[in-house]
Amino acid sequence: MDTPRVHTPAEAARLLRVRESWLRKKAAARAIPCTFLGKHLRFSDDDLALLIREGRRPPRRAAAR
């Protein structure tokens, strides 16, 4: 069995190109998927992929003239 890869908040923030403080705040509020290993906050590849998918927004349609 392959061990899932996990990332520290700093690594995850770098991968997502967001501030680490934003990521930590959202994780503390349980607003984004994350994993706690004991007291250590980590983000799996699946957590990051889900975060990206859930953040996706469809393009806006042009207003009718």
Protein backbone atom coordinates (compact mmCIF):
# COMPACT_ATOMS: atom_id res chain seq x y z
CA MET A 1 0.00 0.00 0.00
CA ASP A 2 1.31 3.42 -0.94
CA THR A 3 1.43 5.98 1.84
CA PRO A 4 -0.50 9.13 0.88
CA ARG A 5 1.70 12.16 0.45
CA VAL A 6 1.00 15.00 2.89
CA HIS A 7 2.20 18.59 2.84
CA THR A 8 2.90 21.07 5.60
CA PRO A 9 0.87 24.28 5.53
CA ALA A 10 3.87 26.11 4.06
CA GLU A 11 4.28 23.52 1.30
CA ALA A 12 0.55 23.47 0.53
CA ALA A 13 0.38 27.28 0.43
CA ARG A 14 3.31 27.35 -1.98
CA LEU A 15 1.66 24.75 -4.23
CA LEU A 16 -1.66 26.62 -4.21
CA ARG A 17 0.03 30.01 -4.48
CA VAL A 18 -1.87 31.43 -1.49
CA ARG A 19 -0.72 32.88 1.81
CA GLU A 20 0.02 30.33 4.50
CA SER A 21 -1.94 32.45 7.00
CA TRP A 22 -5.06 32.23 4.79
CA LEU A 23 -4.69 28.46 4.52
CA ARG A 24 -4.22 28.04 8.29
CA LYS A 25 -7.20 30.29 9.07
CA LYS A 26 -9.50 28.36 6.72
CA ALA A 27 -8.29 25.02 8.11
CA ALA A 28 -8.82 26.16 11.72
CA ALA A 29 -12.40 27.15 10.82
CA ARG A 30 -12.85 23.74 9.14
CA ALA A 31 -13.78 25.62 5.94
CA ILE A 32 -11.39 23.60 3.77
CA PRO A 33 -10.35 19.95 3.71
CA CYS A 34 -7.32 19.19 5.86
CA THR A 35 -5.80 16.47 7.99
CA PHE A 36 -4.54 16.60 11.56
CA LEU A 37 -1.83 14.13 12.48
CA GLY A 38 -1.87 14.55 16.21
CA LYS A 39 -1.54 18.30 16.63
CA HIS A 40 0.13 18.77 13.23
CA LEU A 41 -1.87 20.29 10.39
CA ARG A 42 -1.25 18.64 7.04
CA PHE A 43 -2.83 18.65 3.58
CA SER A 44 -2.99 15.53 1.43
CA ASP A 45 -2.86 15.64 -2.35
CA ASP A 46 -6.57 14.73 -2.26
CA ASP A 47 -7.28 17.67 0.10
CA LEU A 48 -5.54 20.06 -2.30
CA ALA A 49 -7.28 18.63 -5.37
CA LEU A 50 -10.67 18.94 -3.66
CA LEU A 51 -9.92 22.50 -2.62
CA ILE A 52 -9.07 23.39 -6.22
CA ARG A 53 -12.19 21.65 -7.61
CA GLU A 54 -14.50 23.30 -5.07
CA GLY A 55 -13.02 26.71 -5.80
CA ARG A 56 -13.71 26.47 -9.51
CA ARG A 57 -16.24 28.96 -10.89
CA PRO A 58 -17.86 28.81 -14.33
CA PRO A 59 -17.26 31.76 -16.67
CA ARG A 60 -19.80 34.55 -16.60
CA ARG A 61 -22.05 34.98 -19.57
CA ALA A 62 -21.95 38.28 -21.42
CA ALA A 63 -24.85 40.57 -20.55
CA ALA A 64 -27.54 40.90 -23.24
CA ARG A 65 -27.57 44.27 -24.97
